[in-house]
Amino acid sequence: MSLTREDKLRELELLPAWRLRVARAGKVAESVADVTPVVLQPDVSAISWDALQQVVSGCQACSLAKTRTQTVFGVGDPNADWLFVGEAPGAEEDKQGQPFVGAAGQLLDNMLAAVQLKRGNNVYIANVLKCRPPQNRDPQGEEVVKCDPYLKRQVALIQPKLIIALGKFAAQSLLGSDDTIGAMRGKLHDYQGVPVIVTYHPAYLLRSLNEKAKAWEDLCFARATMRQLQSA
């Protein structure tokens, strides 16, 4: 026998207070699910560079779309041998639409110059996430999952010879690892068939000056590795 609306309401009134709250919350959730559209993320595995940029700029796949100013696709040479990948845009990146601006960006430019590289000249710079997490909090799992196809497609289109993972989060996301920076440094890893070298994030180096010597070791390792890759 099916219950009428009045029967259901009467039943709810007999529930303990905590169960009543749960029941009502479930009812609200059902109502929201009925009217909230499911956002389908397009397949980007075979699209062009321009099409990928358009998809990223209009992405609504996760909740970061509601809080961002704009997406941060990346910057540099789309045919670069070198791909530098950071964590996520910060406040200035969110405003300007480019990765690694401000003090951390200046330090990254200095790091590039130390190994005879320059932003935009055989170098591309991107992030794991294309949107800024609110208050610069750590990226969450779902956000990484939603953004991963974009980075994969960038790598496939750029076809870099070497990826430099900047910081623990970028390294762990790219490599699917929980290892520390210390455990990942000094080794060649792999992402989508491309060699990966791990080093510290420039923002971390600004706070930990004593680690700059280790970052220099990583850059020297990267430069020597690139020479081998280019001569192969």
C-alpha atoms as a PDB file:
ATOM      1  CA  MET A   1       0.000   0.000   0.000  1.00  0.00           C
ATOM      2  CA  SER A   2       1.447   3.412  -0.975  1.00  0.00           C
ATOM      3  CA  LEU A   3       1.549   6.216   1.579  1.00  0.00           C
ATOM      4  CA  THR A   4      -0.100   9.550   0.940  1.00  0.00           C
ATOM      5  CA  ARG A   5       1.799  12.800   1.394  1.00  0.00           C
ATOM      6  CA  GLU A   6      -0.002  13.335   4.709  1.00  0.00           C
ATOM      7  CA  ASP A   7       0.986   9.852   5.908  1.00  0.00           C
ATOM      8  CA  LYS A   8       4.622  10.548   5.094  1.00  0.00           C
ATOM      9  CA  LEU A   9       4.588  13.858   6.954  1.00  0.00           C
ATOM     10  CA  ARG A  10       2.921  12.211   9.957  1.00  0.00           C
ATOM     11  CA  GLU A  11       5.596   9.499   9.901  1.00  0.00           C
ATOM     12  CA  LEU A  12       8.349  12.108   9.885  1.00  0.00           C
ATOM     13  CA  GLU A  13       6.877  13.805  12.940  1.00  0.00           C
ATOM     14  CA  LEU A  14       7.265  10.538  14.883  1.00  0.00           C
ATOM     15  CA  LEU A  15      10.963  10.216  14.086  1.00  0.00           C
ATOM     16  CA  PRO A  16      13.614  11.224  16.634  1.00  0.00           C
ATOM     17  CA  ALA A  17      15.025  14.691  15.985  1.00  0.00           C
ATOM     18  CA  TRP A  18      18.344  13.484  14.540  1.00  0.00           C
ATOM     19  CA  ARG A  19      16.638  11.051  12.178  1.00  0.00           C
ATOM     20  CA  LEU A  20      14.220  13.768  11.135  1.00  0.00           C
ATOM     21  CA  ARG A  21      17.142  15.993  10.138  1.00  0.00           C
ATOM     22  CA  VAL A  22      18.679  13.182   8.112  1.00  0.00           C
ATOM     23  CA  ALA A  23      15.393  12.387   6.405  1.00  0.00           C
ATOM     24  CA  ARG A  24      14.786  16.016   5.513  1.00  0.00           C
ATOM     25  CA  ALA A  25      18.358  16.441   4.250  1.00  0.00           C
ATOM     26  CA  GLY A  26      17.922  13.385   2.048  1.00  0.00           C
ATOM     27  CA  LYS A  27      14.677  14.814   0.683  1.00  0.00           C
ATOM     28  CA  VAL A  28      16.404  18.103  -0.152  1.00  0.00           C
ATOM     29  CA  ALA A  29      19.258  16.219  -1.817  1.00  0.00           C
ATOM     30  CA  GLU A  30      16.767  14.292  -3.933  1.00  0.00           C
ATOM     31  CA  SER A  31      15.074  17.534  -4.947  1.00  0.00           C
ATOM     32  CA  VAL A  32      18.392  19.149  -5.887  1.00  0.00           C
ATOM     33  CA  ALA A  33      19.436  16.082  -7.880  1.00  0.00           C
ATOM     34  CA  ASP A  34      16.164  16.282  -9.778  1.00  0.00           C
ATOM     35  CA  VAL A  35      16.785  19.830 -10.991  1.00  0.00           C
ATOM     36  CA  THR A  36      20.622  20.058 -11.144  1.00  0.00           C
ATOM     37  CA  PRO A  37      21.961  19.220 -14.602  1.00  0.00           C
ATOM     38  CA  VAL A  38      24.877  16.824 -14.923  1.00  0.00           C
ATOM     39  CA  VAL A  39      27.909  18.559 -16.457  1.00  0.00           C
ATOM     40  CA  LEU A  40      29.420  16.274 -19.066  1.00  0.00           C
ATOM     41  CA  GLN A  41      33.117  16.843 -19.708  1.00  0.00           C
ATOM     42  CA  PRO A  42      33.974  16.651 -23.408  1.00  0.00           C
ATOM     43  CA  ASP A  43      36.523  14.167 -24.704  1.00  0.00           C
ATOM     44  CA  VAL A  44      39.664  16.172 -25.475  1.00  0.00           C
ATOM     45  CA  SER A  45      41.936  13.264 -26.390  1.00  0.00           C
ATOM     46  CA  ALA A  46      41.999  14.113 -30.110  1.00  0.00           C
ATOM     47  CA  ILE A  47      41.276  17.838 -30.375  1.00  0.00           C
ATOM     48  CA  SER A  48      43.547  20.629 -31.608  1.00  0.00           C
ATOM     49  CA  TRP A  49      45.484  23.130 -29.504  1.00  0.00           C
ATOM     50  CA  ASP A  50      43.014  25.957 -30.211  1.00  0.00           C
ATOM     51  CA  ALA A  51      40.039  23.722 -29.483  1.00  0.00           C
ATOM     52  CA  LEU A  52      41.640  22.590 -26.219  1.00  0.00           C
ATOM     53  CA  GLN A  53      42.112  26.197 -25.142  1.00  0.00           C
ATOM     54  CA  GLN A  54      38.450  26.903 -25.816  1.00  0.00           C
ATOM     55  CA  VAL A  55      37.311  23.864 -23.857  1.00  0.00           C
ATOM     56  CA  VAL A  56      39.499  24.795 -20.878  1.00  0.00           C
ATOM     57  CA  SER A  57      38.362  28.428 -20.892  1.00  0.00           C
ATOM     58  CA  GLY A  58      34.736  27.360 -20.590  1.00  0.00           C
ATOM     59  CA  CYS A  59      35.222  24.344 -18.332  1.00  0.00           C
ATOM     60  CA  GLN A  60      32.521  23.767 -15.709  1.00  0.00           C
ATOM     61  CA  ALA A  61      33.600  20.242 -14.741  1.00  0.00           C
ATOM     62  CA  CYS A  62      34.275  20.982 -11.054  1.00  0.00           C
ATOM     63  CA  SER A  63      33.375  23.523  -8.396  1.00  0.00           C
ATOM     64  CA  LEU A  64      36.428  25.705  -9.098  1.00  0.00           C
ATOM     65  CA  ALA A  65      34.538  27.145 -12.074  1.00  0.00           C
ATOM     66  CA  LYS A  66      32.354  29.031  -9.588  1.00  0.00           C
ATOM     67  CA  THR A  67      35.211  30.775  -7.784  1.00  0.00           C
ATOM     68  CA  ARG A  68      37.809  31.461 -10.495  1.00  0.00           C
ATOM     69  CA  THR A  69      38.281  34.753 -12.320  1.00  0.00           C
ATOM     70  CA  GLN A  70      39.528  32.924 -15.402  1.00  0.00           C
ATOM     71  CA  THR A  71      41.250  29.705 -16.351  1.00  0.00           C
ATOM     72  CA  VAL A  72      45.039  29.580 -16.689  1.00  0.00           C
ATOM     73  CA  PHE A  73      45.829  27.394 -19.673  1.00  0.00           C
ATOM     74  CA  GLY A  74      49.597  27.879 -19.838  1.00  0.00           C
ATOM     75  CA  VAL A  75      52.171  30.037 -21.563  1.00  0.00           C
ATOM     76  CA  GLY A  76      55.105  29.576 -23.895  1.00  0.00           C
ATOM     77  CA  ASP A  77      56.168  27.675 -26.982  1.00  0.00           C
ATOM     78  CA  PRO A  78      53.598  24.976 -27.893  1.00  0.00           C
ATOM     79  CA  ASN A  79      56.383  23.054 -29.672  1.00  0.00           C
ATOM     80  CA  ALA A  80      58.826  23.243 -26.771  1.00  0.00           C
ATOM     81  CA  ASP A  81      61.319  20.575 -25.751  1.00  0.00           C
ATOM     82  CA  TRP A  82      60.962  21.700 -22.118  1.00  0.00           C
ATOM     83  CA  LEU A  83      57.658  21.535 -20.221  1.00  0.00           C
ATOM     84  CA  PHE A  84      57.530  22.923 -16.683  1.00  0.00           C
ATOM     85  CA  VAL A  85      54.478  21.899 -14.661  1.00  0.00           C
ATOM     86  CA  GLY A  86      53.430  23.505 -11.392  1.00  0.00           C
ATOM     87  CA  GLU A  87      50.558  22.950  -8.995  1.00  0.00           C
ATOM     88  CA  ALA A  88      47.762  25.455  -9.601  1.00  0.00           C
ATOM     89  CA  PRO A  89      47.249  29.158 -10.290  1.00  0.00           C
ATOM     90  CA  GLY A  90      47.542  31.597  -7.405  1.00  0.00           C
ATOM     91  CA  ALA A  91      45.751  34.917  -6.945  1.00  0.00           C
ATOM     92  CA  GLU A  92      47.877  36.856  -9.436  1.00  0.00           C
ATOM     93  CA  GLU A  93      47.769  34.052 -11.984  1.00  0.00           C
ATOM     94  CA  ASP A  94      43.985  33.994 -11.630  1.00  0.00           C
ATOM     95  CA  LYS A  95      43.869  37.738 -12.359  1.00  0.00           C
ATOM     96  CA  GLN A  96      46.343  37.742 -15.253  1.00  0.00           C
ATOM     97  CA  GLY A  97      45.516  34.376 -16.824  1.00  0.00           C
ATOM     98  CA  GLN A  98      49.167  33.262 -16.935  1.00  0.00           C
ATOM     99  CA  PRO A  99      51.074  30.788 -14.771  1.00  0.00           C
ATOM    100  CA  PHE A 100      53.977  31.774 -12.534  1.00  0.00           C
ATOM    101  CA  VAL A 101      53.757  35.545 -12.219  1.00  0.00           C
ATOM    102  CA  GLY A 102      54.899  37.605  -9.248  1.00  0.00           C
ATOM    103  CA  ALA A 103      57.863  36.674  -7.061  1.00  0.00           C
ATOM    104  CA  ALA A 104      57.641  32.927  -7.752  1.00  0.00           C
ATOM    105  CA  GLY A 105      57.494  33.634 -11.475  1.00  0.00           C
ATOM    106  CA  GLN A 106      60.546  35.860 -11.298  1.00  0.00           C
ATOM    107  CA  LEU A 107      62.465  33.137  -9.490  1.00  0.00           C
ATOM    108  CA  LEU A 108      61.380  30.589 -12.100  1.00  0.00           C
ATOM    109  CA  ASP A 109      62.633  32.917 -14.843  1.00  0.00           C
ATOM    110  CA  ASN A 110      65.967  33.141 -13.005  1.00  0.00           C
ATOM    111  CA  MET A 111      66.095  29.360 -12.735  1.00  0.00           C
ATOM    112  CA  LEU A 112      65.485  29.087 -16.477  1.00  0.00           C
ATOM    113  CA  ALA A 113      68.194  31.643 -17.209  1.00  0.00           C
ATOM    114  CA  ALA A 114      70.657  29.677 -15.077  1.00  0.00           C
ATOM    115  CA  VAL A 115      70.449  26.820 -17.592  1.00  0.00           C
ATOM    116  CA  GLN A 116      70.323  29.093 -20.653  1.00  0.00           C
ATOM    117  CA  LEU A 117      66.552  28.915 -21.053  1.00  0.00           C
ATOM    118  CA  LYS A 118      63.912  31.616 -21.405  1.00  0.00           C
ATOM    119  CA  ARG A 119      60.167  31.644 -20.919  1.00  0.00           C
ATOM    120  CA  GLY A 120      58.514  31.210 -24.320  1.00  0.00           C
ATOM    121  CA  ASN A 121      61.710  30.107 -26.088  1.00  0.00           C
ATOM    122  CA  ASN A 122      61.589  26.301 -26.395  1.00  0.00           C
ATOM    123  CA  VAL A 123      59.872  26.339 -22.985  1.00  0.00           C
ATOM    124  CA  TYR A 124      56.226  25.842 -22.071  1.00  0.00           C
ATOM    125  CA  ILE A 125      54.838  26.414 -18.567  1.00  0.00           C
ATOM    126  CA  ALA A 126      51.578  24.950 -17.268  1.00  0.00           C
ATOM    127  CA  ASN A 127      49.908  23.737 -14.080  1.00  0.00           C
ATOM    128  CA  VAL A 128      48.193  20.538 -13.019  1.00  0.00           C
ATOM    129  CA  LEU A 129      45.043  22.583 -12.304  1.00  0.00           C
ATOM    130  CA  LYS A 130      43.787  25.250 -14.693  1.00  0.00           C
ATOM    131  CA  CYS A 131      41.747  27.105 -12.034  1.00  0.00           C
ATOM    132  CA  ARG A 132      42.791  28.667  -8.745  1.00  0.00           C
ATOM    133  CA  PRO A 133      41.636  26.841  -5.596  1.00  0.00           C
ATOM    134  CA  PRO A 134      40.008  29.317  -3.175  1.00  0.00           C
ATOM    135  CA  GLN A 135      42.439  30.860  -0.666  1.00  0.00           C
ATOM    136  CA  ASN A 136      45.206  28.919  -2.451  1.00  0.00           C
ATOM    137  CA  ARG A 137      44.229  25.751  -0.611  1.00  0.00           C
ATOM    138  CA  ASP A 138      45.639  22.406  -1.739  1.00  0.00           C
ATOM    139  CA  PRO A 139      43.943  20.964  -4.832  1.00  0.00           C
ATOM    140  CA  GLN A 140      41.400  18.241  -4.163  1.00  0.00           C
ATOM    141  CA  GLY A 141      41.191  14.820  -5.761  1.00  0.00           C
ATOM    142  CA  GLU A 142      38.173  15.460  -7.966  1.00  0.00           C
ATOM    143  CA  GLU A 143      39.721  18.685  -9.271  1.00  0.00           C
ATOM    144  CA  VAL A 144      42.889  16.854 -10.307  1.00  0.00           C
ATOM    145  CA  VAL A 145      40.860  14.109 -11.999  1.00  0.00           C
ATOM    146  CA  LYS A 146      38.830  16.660 -13.980  1.00  0.00           C
ATOM    147  CA  CYS A 147      41.912  18.612 -15.095  1.00  0.00           C
ATOM    148  CA  ASP A 148      44.117  15.620 -15.893  1.00  0.00           C
ATOM    149  CA  PRO A 149      42.754  15.116 -19.446  1.00  0.00           C
ATOM    150  CA  TYR A 150      43.695  18.710 -20.276  1.00  0.00           C
ATOM    151  CA  LEU A 151      47.303  18.267 -19.173  1.00  0.00           C
ATOM    152  CA  LYS A 152      47.511  14.904 -20.949  1.00  0.00           C
ATOM    153  CA  ARG A 153      46.357  16.541 -24.171  1.00  0.00           C
ATOM    154  CA  GLN A 154      48.800  19.424 -23.734  1.00  0.00           C
ATOM    155  CA  VAL A 155      51.627  16.925 -23.383  1.00  0.00           C
ATOM    156  CA  ALA A 156      50.443  14.996 -26.441  1.00  0.00           C
ATOM    157  CA  LEU A 157      50.292  18.172 -28.543  1.00  0.00           C
ATOM    158  CA  ILE A 158      53.512  19.770 -27.301  1.00  0.00           C
ATOM    159  CA  GLN A 159      55.467  16.497 -27.397  1.00  0.00           C
ATOM    160  CA  PRO A 160      58.147  17.774 -25.009  1.00  0.00           C
ATOM    161  CA  LYS A 161      61.366  15.898 -24.612  1.00  0.00           C
ATOM    162  CA  LEU A 162      61.447  16.510 -20.848  1.00  0.00           C
ATOM    163  CA  ILE A 163      58.978  17.530 -18.124  1.00  0.00           C
ATOM    164  CA  ILE A 164      60.106  19.338 -14.978  1.00  0.00           C
ATOM    165  CA  ALA A 165      57.653  18.840 -12.105  1.00  0.00           C
ATOM    166  CA  LEU A 166      57.767  21.876  -9.829  1.00  0.00           C
ATOM    167  CA  GLY A 167      56.915  20.965  -6.267  1.00  0.00           C
ATOM    168  CA  LYS A 168      55.532  18.019  -4.332  1.00  0.00           C
ATOM    169  CA  PHE A 169      51.940  18.298  -5.470  1.00  0.00           C
ATOM    170  CA  ALA A 170      52.783  18.529  -9.175  1.00  0.00           C
ATOM    171  CA  ALA A 171      55.194  15.607  -8.869  1.00  0.00           C
ATOM    172  CA  GLN A 172      52.755  13.425  -6.930  1.00  0.00           C
ATOM    173  CA  SER A 173      49.926  14.219  -9.344  1.00  0.00           C
ATOM    174  CA  LEU A 174      51.961  13.551 -12.478  1.00  0.00           C
ATOM    175  CA  LEU A 175      53.544  10.387 -11.145  1.00  0.00           C
ATOM    176  CA  GLY A 176      50.632   9.016  -9.125  1.00  0.00           C
ATOM    177  CA  SER A 177      52.915   8.810  -6.102  1.00  0.00           C
ATOM    178  CA  ASP A 178      52.836   9.680  -2.410  1.00  0.00           C
ATOM    179  CA  ASP A 179      56.624   9.896  -2.177  1.00  0.00           C
ATOM    180  CA  THR A 180      58.339  12.970  -0.785  1.00  0.00           C
ATOM    181  CA  ILE A 181      60.292  15.406  -2.924  1.00  0.00           C
ATOM    182  CA  GLY A 182      63.464  13.995  -1.418  1.00  0.00           C
ATOM    183  CA  ALA A 183      62.577  10.495  -2.553  1.00  0.00           C
ATOM    184  CA  MET A 184      61.661  11.633  -6.089  1.00  0.00           C
ATOM    185  CA  ARG A 185      64.572  13.990  -6.784  1.00  0.00           C
ATOM    186  CA  GLY A 186      67.602  12.870  -8.747  1.00  0.00           C
ATOM    187  CA  LYS A 187      65.733  10.217 -10.752  1.00  0.00           C
ATOM    188  CA  LEU A 188      64.124   9.988 -14.148  1.00  0.00           C
ATOM    189  CA  HIS A 189      60.402   9.290 -13.940  1.00  0.00           C
ATOM    190  CA  ASP A 190      57.768   8.955 -16.656  1.00  0.00           C
ATOM    191  CA  TYR A 191      54.516  10.710 -17.563  1.00  0.00           C
ATOM    192  CA  GLN A 192      52.692   9.610 -20.709  1.00  0.00           C
ATOM    193  CA  GLY A 193      55.985   8.331 -22.128  1.00  0.00           C
ATOM    194  CA  VAL A 194      57.895  11.558 -21.405  1.00  0.00           C
ATOM    195  CA  PRO A 195      60.818  11.629 -18.935  1.00  0.00           C
ATOM    196  CA  VAL A 196      60.095  13.624 -15.767  1.00  0.00           C
ATOM    197  CA  ILE A 197      62.510  15.286 -13.345  1.00  0.00           C
ATOM    198  CA  VAL A 198      61.283  16.535  -9.976  1.00  0.00           C
ATOM    199  CA  THR A 199      62.449  19.683  -8.219  1.00  0.00           C
ATOM    200  CA  TYR A 200      61.187  22.234  -5.733  1.00  0.00           C
ATOM    201  CA  HIS A 201      58.470  24.778  -6.456  1.00  0.00           C
ATOM    202  CA  PRO A 202      59.804  28.352  -6.757  1.00  0.00           C
ATOM    203  CA  ALA A 203      57.358  29.567  -4.082  1.00  0.00           C
ATOM    204  CA  TYR A 204      58.815  26.982  -1.681  1.00  0.00           C
ATOM    205  CA  LEU A 205      62.349  28.093  -2.530  1.00  0.00           C
ATOM    206  CA  LEU A 206      61.431  31.680  -1.637  1.00  0.00           C
ATOM    207  CA  ARG A 207      60.586  30.433   1.865  1.00  0.00           C
ATOM    208  CA  SER A 208      63.438  27.924   2.119  1.00  0.00           C
ATOM    209  CA  LEU A 209      66.569  29.545   0.767  1.00  0.00           C
ATOM    210  CA  ASN A 210      68.771  26.679   1.968  1.00  0.00           C
ATOM    211  CA  GLU A 211      67.082  24.377  -0.587  1.00  0.00           C
ATOM    212  CA  LYS A 212      68.208  26.464  -3.576  1.00  0.00           C
ATOM    213  CA  ALA A 213      71.427  24.468  -3.847  1.00  0.00           C
ATOM    214  CA  LYS A 214      69.381  21.278  -4.269  1.00  0.00           C
ATOM    215  CA  ALA A 215      67.222  22.957  -6.909  1.00  0.00           C
ATOM    216  CA  TRP A 216      70.396  23.892  -8.774  1.00  0.00           C
ATOM    217  CA  GLU A 217      71.477  20.236  -8.682  1.00  0.00           C
ATOM    218  CA  ASP A 218      68.118  19.283 -10.179  1.00  0.00           C
ATOM    219  CA  LEU A 219      68.489  21.859 -12.959  1.00  0.00           C
ATOM    220  CA  CYS A 220      71.967  20.582 -13.772  1.00  0.00           C
ATOM    221  CA  PHE A 221      70.596  17.036 -13.900  1.00  0.00           C
ATOM    222  CA  ALA A 222      67.807  18.249 -16.181  1.00  0.00           C
ATOM    223  CA  ARG A 223      70.226  20.048 -18.495  1.00  0.00           C
ATOM    224  CA  ALA A 224      72.456  16.984 -18.793  1.00  0.00           C
ATOM    225  CA  THR A 225      69.418  14.778 -19.421  1.00  0.00           C
ATOM    226  CA  MET A 226      68.126  17.112 -22.127  1.00  0.00           C
ATOM    227  CA  ARG A 227      71.470  17.049 -23.910  1.00  0.00           C
ATOM    228  CA  GLN A 228      71.300  13.263 -23.999  1.00  0.00           C
ATOM    229  CA  LEU A 229      67.706  13.313 -25.241  1.00  0.00           C
ATOM    230  CA  GLN A 230      68.456  15.849 -27.977  1.00  0.00           C
ATOM    231  CA  SER A 231      71.455  13.884 -29.189  1.00  0.00           C
ATOM    232  CA  ALA A 232      69.640  10.538 -29.239  1.00  0.00           C
END
